[in-house]
Amino acid sequence: MTNSLLFDFTVDKATKTILITREFDAGLSLVWDAFTKPEILDQWVAAKPWTSRTKFMDFKVGGRRFYAMISPEGQERWGIQKYTSISPKTNFKMFNAFADKDENPELPGSDWDYTFSEQNGKTTVRITIYNESLARMEKMIEMGFEEGFKMSINNLEDLLATLSGK
């Protein structure tokens, strides 16, 4: 990880919100694709040794992504995302929930808001995760969300370096 790149992870229990800001040494188009194309997303989004497998993804307003995080032993933990707003290359919003293998969501879920900006060849991604339930947010944190997210973002940084030839 390049230490000069911005990374901030803040939990605000009062507002049931997690705020994440991360800078990448890559152009906006490539970073946008890494978050919105399943063939790239599946390469980085799971914290190793877990892997990600997208069963289907329809990146459009009203579209969904149904995916599994898979343990080295083959255990699958399913999730479903519904895209609620998309402004190409600048912002997208989605509702995210755990689910069973038959696409039935486990509610409550959380609302994710991603904002992308580029300056001097570096792209900053700001993510706001709002949880309807404080108990769900605390469960995410207890399950190691922060550590897992940091590992995934480091995977992304390595992948972006490979894809951009840096």
N, C-alpha and C. Protein backbone atom coordinates (compact mmCIF):
# COMPACT_ATOMS: atom_id res chain seq x y z
N MET A 1 0.84 -1.18 0.00
CA MET A 1 0.00 0.00 0.00
C MET A 1 0.88 1.24 0.00
N THR A 2 0.53 2.21 -0.81
CA THR A 2 1.26 3.45 -0.86
C THR A 2 0.81 4.32 0.30
N ASN A 3 1.74 4.61 1.22
CA ASN A 3 1.37 5.33 2.43
C ASN A 3 0.90 6.75 2.17
N SER A 4 1.24 7.34 1.02
CA SER A 4 0.85 8.71 0.76
C SER A 4 -0.59 8.85 0.28
N LEU A 5 -1.26 7.72 0.01
CA LEU A 5 -2.64 7.78 -0.45
C LEU A 5 -3.60 7.86 0.73
N LEU A 6 -4.56 8.75 0.62
CA LEU A 6 -5.53 8.98 1.67
C LEU A 6 -6.39 7.74 1.93
N PHE A 7 -6.57 7.41 3.21
CA PHE A 7 -7.50 6.38 3.61
C PHE A 7 -8.07 6.75 4.98
N ASP A 8 -9.39 6.87 5.04
CA ASP A 8 -10.04 7.19 6.30
C ASP A 8 -11.26 6.29 6.46
N PHE A 9 -11.44 5.73 7.64
CA PHE A 9 -12.55 4.84 7.96
C PHE A 9 -13.11 5.31 9.30
N THR A 10 -14.33 5.85 9.29
CA THR A 10 -14.92 6.41 10.50
C THR A 10 -16.28 5.78 10.76
N VAL A 11 -16.49 5.34 11.99
CA VAL A 11 -17.77 4.78 12.42
C VAL A 11 -18.46 5.82 13.29
N ASP A 12 -19.70 6.16 12.94
CA ASP A 12 -20.49 7.12 13.70
C ASP A 12 -21.76 6.41 14.18
N LYS A 13 -21.70 5.87 15.40
CA LYS A 13 -22.83 5.10 15.92
C LYS A 13 -24.06 5.97 16.12
N ALA A 14 -23.87 7.24 16.42
CA ALA A 14 -25.02 8.14 16.65
C ALA A 14 -25.89 8.25 15.41
N THR A 15 -25.26 8.26 14.23
CA THR A 15 -26.03 8.36 12.98
C THR A 15 -26.14 7.02 12.25
N LYS A 16 -25.61 5.95 12.86
CA LYS A 16 -25.63 4.60 12.28
C LYS A 16 -24.96 4.59 10.89
N THR A 17 -23.85 5.33 10.80
CA THR A 17 -23.19 5.53 9.51
C THR A 17 -21.71 5.19 9.60
N ILE A 18 -21.21 4.59 8.52
CA ILE A 18 -19.78 4.38 8.34
C ILE A 18 -19.36 5.24 7.16
N LEU A 19 -18.30 6.02 7.35
CA LEU A 19 -17.78 6.91 6.30
C LEU A 19 -16.39 6.43 5.91
N ILE A 20 -16.20 6.20 4.63
CA ILE A 20 -14.91 5.71 4.14
C ILE A 20 -14.45 6.63 3.02
N THR A 21 -13.22 7.07 3.08
CA THR A 21 -12.62 7.84 1.99
C THR A 21 -11.32 7.14 1.63
N ARG A 22 -11.14 6.87 0.34
CA ARG A 22 -9.92 6.17 -0.11
C ARG A 22 -9.47 6.74 -1.44
N GLU A 23 -8.20 7.06 -1.52
CA GLU A 23 -7.59 7.58 -2.74
C GLU A 23 -6.82 6.45 -3.43
N PHE A 24 -6.89 6.42 -4.76
CA PHE A 24 -6.19 5.42 -5.56
C PHE A 24 -5.32 6.10 -6.59
N ASP A 25 -4.16 5.50 -6.85
CA ASP A 25 -3.24 6.01 -7.86
C ASP A 25 -3.64 5.42 -9.21
N ALA A 26 -4.83 5.81 -9.68
CA ALA A 26 -5.36 5.31 -10.95
C ALA A 26 -6.42 6.29 -11.44
N GLY A 27 -6.67 6.26 -12.74
CA GLY A 27 -7.65 7.15 -13.34
C GLY A 27 -9.07 6.79 -12.98
N LEU A 28 -9.94 7.78 -13.11
CA LEU A 28 -11.34 7.63 -12.74
C LEU A 28 -12.04 6.50 -13.48
N SER A 29 -11.85 6.40 -14.78
CA SER A 29 -12.55 5.35 -15.55
C SER A 29 -12.22 3.96 -15.05
N LEU A 30 -10.94 3.71 -14.76
CA LEU A 30 -10.53 2.40 -14.29
C LEU A 30 -11.09 2.10 -12.91
N VAL A 31 -11.05 3.08 -12.01
CA VAL A 31 -11.58 2.87 -10.66
C VAL A 31 -13.09 2.65 -10.72
N TRP A 32 -13.79 3.45 -11.53
CA TRP A 32 -15.24 3.27 -11.70
C TRP A 32 -15.54 1.85 -12.18
N ASP A 33 -14.81 1.39 -13.19
CA ASP A 33 -15.02 0.03 -13.70
C ASP A 33 -14.78 -1.02 -12.63
N ALA A 34 -13.80 -0.79 -11.77
CA ALA A 34 -13.48 -1.77 -10.72
C ALA A 34 -14.64 -1.94 -9.74
N PHE A 35 -15.46 -0.90 -9.58
CA PHE A 35 -16.60 -0.96 -8.67
C PHE A 35 -17.89 -1.37 -9.37
N THR A 36 -17.92 -1.33 -10.71
CA THR A 36 -19.19 -1.50 -11.41
C THR A 36 -19.21 -2.63 -12.44
N LYS A 37 -18.10 -3.29 -12.67
CA LYS A 37 -18.06 -4.40 -13.62
C LYS A 37 -17.73 -5.69 -12.86
N PRO A 38 -18.61 -6.69 -12.93
CA PRO A 38 -18.43 -7.89 -12.11
C PRO A 38 -17.12 -8.63 -12.38
N GLU A 39 -16.64 -8.63 -13.62
CA GLU A 39 -15.41 -9.35 -13.92
C GLU A 39 -14.19 -8.72 -13.24
N ILE A 40 -14.27 -7.43 -12.90
CA ILE A 40 -13.19 -6.77 -12.15
C ILE A 40 -13.51 -6.83 -10.65
N LEU A 41 -14.73 -6.54 -10.30
CA LEU A 41 -15.16 -6.53 -8.89
C LEU A 41 -14.84 -7.85 -8.19
N ASP A 42 -15.11 -8.96 -8.85
CA ASP A 42 -14.86 -10.26 -8.23
C ASP A 42 -13.38 -10.54 -8.00
N GLN A 43 -12.50 -9.80 -8.66
CA GLN A 43 -11.07 -10.03 -8.47
C GLN A 43 -10.52 -9.40 -7.19
N TRP A 44 -11.26 -8.46 -6.59
CA TRP A 44 -10.68 -7.76 -5.44
C TRP A 44 -11.58 -7.64 -4.22
N VAL A 45 -12.88 -7.76 -4.37
CA VAL A 45 -13.79 -7.33 -3.31
C VAL A 45 -13.79 -8.24 -2.07
N ALA A 46 -13.35 -9.46 -2.18
CA ALA A 46 -13.33 -10.35 -1.01
C ALA A 46 -11.97 -10.27 -0.29
N ALA A 47 -12.04 -10.29 1.02
CA ALA A 47 -10.81 -10.30 1.82
C ALA A 47 -10.20 -11.70 1.75
N LYS A 48 -8.95 -11.78 1.32
CA LYS A 48 -8.28 -13.08 1.18
C LYS A 48 -8.23 -13.78 2.54
N PRO A 49 -8.42 -15.07 2.60
CA PRO A 49 -8.42 -16.05 1.51
C PRO A 49 -9.80 -16.27 0.88
N TRP A 50 -10.81 -15.48 1.27
CA TRP A 50 -12.13 -15.60 0.67
C TRP A 50 -12.08 -15.11 -0.78
N THR A 51 -13.05 -15.55 -1.57
CA THR A 51 -13.19 -15.08 -2.95
C THR A 51 -14.62 -14.62 -3.16
N SER A 52 -14.82 -13.86 -4.23
CA SER A 52 -16.15 -13.37 -4.58
C SER A 52 -16.58 -13.98 -5.90
N ARG A 53 -17.86 -14.33 -5.98
CA ARG A 53 -18.42 -14.83 -7.24
C ARG A 53 -19.77 -14.16 -7.46
N THR A 54 -19.86 -13.39 -8.54
CA THR A 54 -21.11 -12.75 -8.90
C THR A 54 -21.94 -13.73 -9.72
N LYS A 55 -23.14 -14.03 -9.25
CA LYS A 55 -24.05 -14.90 -10.00
C LYS A 55 -24.68 -14.10 -11.14
N PHE A 56 -25.12 -12.87 -10.84
CA PHE A 56 -25.57 -11.96 -11.89
C PHE A 56 -25.44 -10.53 -11.39
N MET A 57 -25.28 -9.62 -12.35
CA MET A 57 -25.18 -8.19 -12.03
C MET A 57 -25.74 -7.41 -13.21
N ASP A 58 -26.69 -6.56 -12.90
CA ASP A 58 -27.32 -5.70 -13.89
C ASP A 58 -27.16 -4.28 -13.37
N PHE A 59 -26.04 -3.63 -13.76
CA PHE A 59 -25.71 -2.31 -13.22
C PHE A 59 -26.52 -1.24 -13.95
N LYS A 60 -27.73 -1.03 -13.45
CA LYS A 60 -28.61 0.03 -13.92
C LYS A 60 -29.56 0.35 -12.77
N VAL A 61 -30.20 1.52 -12.82
CA VAL A 61 -31.16 1.86 -11.77
C VAL A 61 -32.26 0.81 -11.76
N GLY A 62 -32.49 0.23 -10.59
CA GLY A 62 -33.46 -0.85 -10.45
C GLY A 62 -32.85 -2.22 -10.67
N GLY A 63 -31.60 -2.26 -11.18
CA GLY A 63 -30.91 -3.52 -11.40
C GLY A 63 -30.33 -4.06 -10.10
N ARG A 64 -29.84 -5.30 -10.17
CA ARG A 64 -29.33 -5.94 -8.97
C ARG A 64 -28.03 -6.69 -9.24
N ARG A 65 -27.29 -6.89 -8.16
CA ARG A 65 -26.15 -7.80 -8.15
C ARG A 65 -26.43 -8.84 -7.08
N PHE A 66 -26.30 -10.12 -7.45
CA PHE A 66 -26.45 -11.22 -6.51
C PHE A 66 -25.12 -11.95 -6.51
N TYR A 67 -24.51 -12.07 -5.34
CA TYR A 67 -23.14 -12.58 -5.28
C TYR A 67 -22.92 -13.38 -4.00
N ALA A 68 -21.83 -14.14 -4.01
CA ALA A 68 -21.44 -14.90 -2.82
C ALA A 68 -19.99 -14.58 -2.47
N MET A 69 -19.73 -14.52 -1.18
CA MET A 69 -18.36 -14.52 -0.66
C MET A 69 -18.12 -15.98 -0.26
N ILE A 70 -17.03 -16.54 -0.77
CA ILE A 70 -16.79 -17.97 -0.60
C ILE A 70 -15.52 -18.20 0.20
N SER A 71 -15.65 -18.99 1.27
CA SER A 71 -14.51 -19.30 2.12
C SER A 71 -13.62 -20.34 1.44
N PRO A 72 -12.38 -20.50 1.92
CA PRO A 72 -11.50 -21.53 1.34
C PRO A 72 -12.11 -22.94 1.44
N GLU A 73 -12.99 -23.15 2.43
CA GLU A 73 -13.64 -24.45 2.60
C GLU A 73 -14.89 -24.60 1.73
N GLY A 74 -15.23 -23.54 0.99
CA GLY A 74 -16.39 -23.60 0.11
C GLY A 74 -17.69 -23.08 0.71
N GLN A 75 -17.63 -22.56 1.93
CA GLN A 75 -18.83 -21.98 2.55
C GLN A 75 -19.19 -20.70 1.79
N GLU A 76 -20.48 -20.54 1.47
CA GLU A 76 -20.94 -19.38 0.73
C GLU A 76 -21.75 -18.46 1.63
N ARG A 77 -21.45 -17.18 1.57
CA ARG A 77 -22.22 -16.15 2.29
C ARG A 77 -22.76 -15.21 1.22
N TRP A 78 -24.07 -15.25 0.97
CA TRP A 78 -24.69 -14.54 -0.13
C TRP A 78 -25.08 -13.11 0.25
N GLY A 79 -25.08 -12.26 -0.76
CA GLY A 79 -25.51 -10.88 -0.59
C GLY A 79 -26.25 -10.43 -1.84
N ILE A 80 -27.10 -9.44 -1.65
CA ILE A 80 -27.84 -8.88 -2.79
C ILE A 80 -27.78 -7.36 -2.70
N GLN A 81 -27.58 -6.74 -3.85
CA GLN A 81 -27.50 -5.29 -3.93
C GLN A 81 -28.51 -4.83 -4.98
N LYS A 82 -29.21 -3.74 -4.67
CA LYS A 82 -30.15 -3.14 -5.63
C LYS A 82 -29.69 -1.71 -5.89
N TYR A 83 -29.46 -1.40 -7.16
CA TYR A 83 -28.98 -0.07 -7.53
C TYR A 83 -30.14 0.90 -7.57
N THR A 84 -30.02 2.00 -6.80
CA THR A 84 -31.12 2.95 -6.67
C THR A 84 -30.86 4.26 -7.41
N SER A 85 -29.60 4.54 -7.74
CA SER A 85 -29.25 5.78 -8.43
C SER A 85 -27.89 5.59 -9.08
N ILE A 86 -27.74 6.08 -10.32
CA ILE A 86 -26.45 5.99 -11.00
C ILE A 86 -26.22 7.27 -11.80
N SER A 87 -25.12 7.95 -11.52
CA SER A 87 -24.64 9.08 -12.31
C SER A 87 -23.26 8.65 -12.82
N PRO A 88 -23.17 8.21 -14.08
CA PRO A 88 -21.94 7.60 -14.58
C PRO A 88 -20.67 8.36 -14.22
N LYS A 89 -19.72 7.59 -13.71
CA LYS A 89 -18.37 8.02 -13.35
C LYS A 89 -18.29 9.01 -12.19
N THR A 90 -19.44 9.35 -11.58
CA THR A 90 -19.37 10.26 -10.43
C THR A 90 -20.03 9.70 -9.17
N ASN A 91 -21.13 8.94 -9.32
CA ASN A 91 -21.84 8.49 -8.12
C ASN A 91 -22.77 7.31 -8.45
N PHE A 92 -22.87 6.39 -7.49
CA PHE A 92 -23.97 5.42 -7.53
C PHE A 92 -24.37 5.09 -6.11
N LYS A 93 -25.65 4.71 -6.00
CA LYS A 93 -26.20 4.36 -4.69
C LYS A 93 -26.85 2.99 -4.81
N MET A 94 -26.79 2.25 -3.72
CA MET A 94 -27.40 0.92 -3.72
C MET A 94 -27.85 0.55 -2.33
N PHE A 95 -28.80 -0.38 -2.29
CA PHE A 95 -29.23 -1.00 -1.05
C PHE A 95 -28.55 -2.36 -1.00
N ASN A 96 -27.93 -2.68 0.12
CA ASN A 96 -27.17 -3.92 0.27
C ASN A 96 -27.73 -4.71 1.45
N ALA A 97 -27.89 -6.02 1.25
CA ALA A 97 -28.36 -6.88 2.34
C ALA A 97 -27.76 -8.26 2.19
N PHE A 98 -27.56 -8.92 3.32
CA PHE A 98 -27.22 -10.33 3.27
C PHE A 98 -28.43 -11.06 2.69
N ALA A 99 -28.21 -12.24 2.14
CA ALA A 99 -29.32 -12.99 1.54
C ALA A 99 -29.04 -14.48 1.66
N ASP A 100 -30.07 -15.28 1.39
CA ASP A 100 -29.84 -16.72 1.30
C ASP A 100 -29.56 -17.08 -0.17
N LYS A 101 -29.28 -18.34 -0.42
CA LYS A 101 -28.89 -18.77 -1.77
C LYS A 101 -30.02 -18.62 -2.79
N ASP A 102 -31.24 -18.38 -2.30
CA ASP A 102 -32.40 -18.21 -3.18
C ASP A 102 -32.79 -16.75 -3.38
N GLU A 103 -31.88 -15.84 -3.03
CA GLU A 103 -32.05 -14.39 -3.23
C GLU A 103 -33.02 -13.73 -2.27
N ASN A 104 -33.34 -14.37 -1.17
CA ASN A 104 -34.21 -13.77 -0.16
C ASN A 104 -33.36 -12.93 0.79
N PRO A 105 -33.57 -11.60 0.81
CA PRO A 105 -32.73 -10.74 1.66
C PRO A 105 -33.01 -10.94 3.14
N GLU A 106 -31.95 -10.75 3.92
CA GLU A 106 -32.06 -10.74 5.39
C GLU A 106 -32.09 -9.28 5.80
N LEU A 107 -33.26 -8.80 6.15
CA LEU A 107 -33.39 -7.38 6.50
C LEU A 107 -33.20 -7.18 7.99
N PRO A 108 -32.76 -6.03 8.46
CA PRO A 108 -32.53 -4.83 7.67
C PRO A 108 -31.21 -4.88 6.92
N GLY A 109 -31.09 -4.03 5.94
CA GLY A 109 -29.86 -3.91 5.16
C GLY A 109 -29.23 -2.56 5.40
N SER A 110 -28.47 -2.10 4.42
CA SER A 110 -27.82 -0.80 4.53
C SER A 110 -27.82 -0.11 3.17
N ASP A 111 -27.80 1.22 3.21
CA ASP A 111 -27.74 2.04 2.01
C ASP A 111 -26.32 2.53 1.81
N TRP A 112 -25.79 2.28 0.62
CA TRP A 112 -24.41 2.65 0.28
C TRP A 112 -24.45 3.76 -0.75
N ASP A 113 -23.64 4.78 -0.56
CA ASP A 113 -23.55 5.92 -1.46
C ASP A 113 -22.07 6.09 -1.82
N TYR A 114 -21.74 5.86 -3.11
CA TYR A 114 -20.36 5.95 -3.60
C TYR A 114 -20.20 7.21 -4.43
N THR A 115 -19.20 8.02 -4.13
CA THR A 115 -18.89 9.21 -4.92
C THR A 115 -17.44 9.11 -5.39
N PHE A 116 -17.23 9.37 -6.68
CA PHE A 116 -15.92 9.25 -7.32
C PHE A 116 -15.48 10.62 -7.84
N SER A 117 -14.21 10.96 -7.62
CA SER A 117 -13.66 12.19 -8.19
C SER A 117 -12.18 11.96 -8.52
N GLU A 118 -11.70 12.68 -9.51
CA GLU A 118 -10.30 12.52 -9.95
C GLU A 118 -9.60 13.87 -9.93
N GLN A 119 -8.35 13.84 -9.47
CA GLN A 119 -7.52 15.04 -9.49
C GLN A 119 -6.07 14.60 -9.65
N ASN A 120 -5.41 15.16 -10.64
CA ASN A 120 -3.99 14.88 -10.91
C ASN A 120 -3.71 13.38 -11.06
N GLY A 121 -4.61 12.67 -11.75
CA GLY A 121 -4.41 11.25 -12.03
C GLY A 121 -4.71 10.32 -10.87
N LYS A 122 -5.16 10.88 -9.76
CA LYS A 122 -5.54 10.06 -8.61
C LYS A 122 -7.06 10.15 -8.45
N THR A 123 -7.67 9.03 -8.09
CA THR A 123 -9.12 8.98 -7.93
C THR A 123 -9.46 8.77 -6.46
N THR A 124 -10.38 9.59 -5.97
CA THR A 124 -10.85 9.46 -4.60
C THR A 124 -12.26 8.88 -4.61
N VAL A 125 -12.47 7.85 -3.79
CA VAL A 125 -13.78 7.24 -3.64
C VAL A 125 -14.24 7.52 -2.21
N ARG A 126 -15.43 8.11 -2.11
CA ARG A 126 -16.04 8.37 -0.80
C ARG A 126 -17.28 7.48 -0.70
N ILE A 127 -17.34 6.72 0.38
CA ILE A 127 -18.45 5.78 0.58
C ILE A 127 -19.12 6.10 1.91
N THR A 128 -20.42 6.29 1.85
CA THR A 128 -21.22 6.46 3.06
C THR A 128 -22.13 5.26 3.16
N ILE A 129 -22.08 4.57 4.29
CA ILE A 129 -22.92 3.39 4.52
C ILE A 129 -23.85 3.71 5.68
N TYR A 130 -25.14 3.82 5.36
CA TYR A 130 -26.14 4.10 6.38
C TYR A 130 -26.89 2.81 6.71
N ASN A 131 -26.96 2.50 7.99
CA ASN A 131 -27.66 1.30 8.46
C ASN A 131 -28.95 1.71 9.15
N GLU A 132 -30.06 1.10 8.75
CA GLU A 132 -31.33 1.37 9.41
C GLU A 132 -31.27 0.93 10.87
N SER A 133 -30.46 -0.07 11.15
CA SER A 133 -30.41 -0.67 12.48
C SER A 133 -29.00 -0.54 13.06
N LEU A 134 -28.92 0.04 14.25
CA LEU A 134 -27.64 0.13 14.94
C LEU A 134 -27.12 -1.27 15.26
N ALA A 135 -28.02 -2.19 15.60
CA ALA A 135 -27.62 -3.57 15.90
C ALA A 135 -26.96 -4.21 14.68
N ARG A 136 -27.50 -3.97 13.47
CA ARG A 136 -26.90 -4.53 12.26
C ARG A 136 -25.51 -3.93 12.04
N MET A 137 -25.38 -2.62 12.22
CA MET A 137 -24.07 -1.98 12.03
C MET A 137 -23.07 -2.55 13.03
N GLU A 138 -23.47 -2.70 14.26
CA GLU A 138 -22.56 -3.25 15.27
C GLU A 138 -22.19 -4.69 14.93
N LYS A 139 -23.13 -5.45 14.37
CA LYS A 139 -22.84 -6.82 13.95
C LYS A 139 -21.80 -6.81 12.82
N MET A 140 -21.96 -5.90 11.86
CA MET A 140 -20.98 -5.78 10.77
C MET A 140 -19.58 -5.53 11.34
N ILE A 141 -19.51 -4.61 12.29
CA ILE A 141 -18.21 -4.25 12.89
C ILE A 141 -17.64 -5.44 13.66
N GLU A 142 -18.48 -6.12 14.44
CA GLU A 142 -18.04 -7.30 15.20
C GLU A 142 -17.54 -8.41 14.28
N MET A 143 -18.15 -8.53 13.09
CA MET A 143 -17.76 -9.57 12.13
C MET A 143 -16.45 -9.22 11.41
N GLY A 144 -15.86 -8.06 11.75
CA GLY A 144 -14.58 -7.69 11.16
C GLY A 144 -14.70 -6.90 9.87
N PHE A 145 -15.80 -6.14 9.72
CA PHE A 145 -16.00 -5.39 8.48
C PHE A 145 -14.84 -4.45 8.18
N GLU A 146 -14.38 -3.70 9.17
CA GLU A 146 -13.31 -2.73 8.91
C GLU A 146 -12.04 -3.43 8.42
N GLU A 147 -11.62 -4.49 9.10
CA GLU A 147 -10.40 -5.20 8.69
C GLU A 147 -10.58 -5.83 7.31
N GLY A 148 -11.74 -6.45 7.09
CA GLY A 148 -12.02 -7.07 5.80
C GLY A 148 -12.07 -6.05 4.69
N PHE A 149 -12.68 -4.89 4.96
CA PHE A 149 -12.77 -3.85 3.94
C PHE A 149 -11.37 -3.33 3.59
N LYS A 150 -10.55 -3.12 4.60
CA LYS A 150 -9.18 -2.65 4.34
C LYS A 150 -8.41 -3.67 3.49
N MET A 151 -8.59 -4.95 3.78
CA MET A 151 -7.92 -5.99 2.98
C MET A 151 -8.41 -5.96 1.53
N SER A 152 -9.72 -5.80 1.35
CA SER A 152 -10.28 -5.74 0.00
C SER A 152 -9.75 -4.52 -0.76
N ILE A 153 -9.70 -3.39 -0.09
CA ILE A 153 -9.21 -2.17 -0.74
C ILE A 153 -7.73 -2.32 -1.12
N ASN A 154 -6.96 -3.00 -0.29
CA ASN A 154 -5.56 -3.27 -0.65
C ASN A 154 -5.48 -4.19 -1.86
N ASN A 155 -6.39 -5.18 -1.94
CA ASN A 155 -6.47 -6.03 -3.14
C ASN A 155 -6.74 -5.16 -4.37
N LEU A 156 -7.67 -4.20 -4.22
CA LEU A 156 -8.01 -3.32 -5.33
C LEU A 156 -6.81 -2.48 -5.75
N GLU A 157 -6.09 -1.95 -4.78
CA GLU A 157 -4.92 -1.14 -5.11
C GLU A 157 -3.92 -1.95 -5.93
N ASP A 158 -3.67 -3.19 -5.53
CA ASP A 158 -2.75 -4.06 -6.28
C ASP A 158 -3.28 -4.34 -7.68
N LEU A 159 -4.58 -4.62 -7.79
CA LEU A 159 -5.17 -4.90 -9.10
C LEU A 159 -5.11 -3.67 -10.01
N LEU A 160 -5.41 -2.49 -9.47
CA LEU A 160 -5.35 -1.27 -10.27
C LEU A 160 -3.94 -1.02 -10.79
N ALA A 161 -2.94 -1.30 -9.95
CA ALA A 161 -1.54 -1.13 -10.40
C ALA A 161 -1.24 -2.06 -11.56
N THR A 162 -1.74 -3.29 -11.49
CA THR A 162 -1.54 -4.25 -12.58
C THR A 162 -2.28 -3.82 -13.84
N LEU A 163 -3.55 -3.43 -13.68
CA LEU A 163 -4.38 -3.06 -14.84
C LEU A 163 -3.91 -1.77 -15.51
N SER A 164 -3.37 -0.84 -14.72
CA SER A 164 -2.94 0.43 -15.29
C SER A 164 -1.47 0.41 -15.69
N GLY A 165 -0.78 -0.70 -15.39
CA GLY A 165 0.63 -0.82 -15.78
C GLY A 165 1.56 -0.01 -14.92
N LYS A 166 1.16 0.32 -13.68
CA LYS A 166 2.03 1.11 -12.79
C LYS A 166 2.84 0.21 -11.87
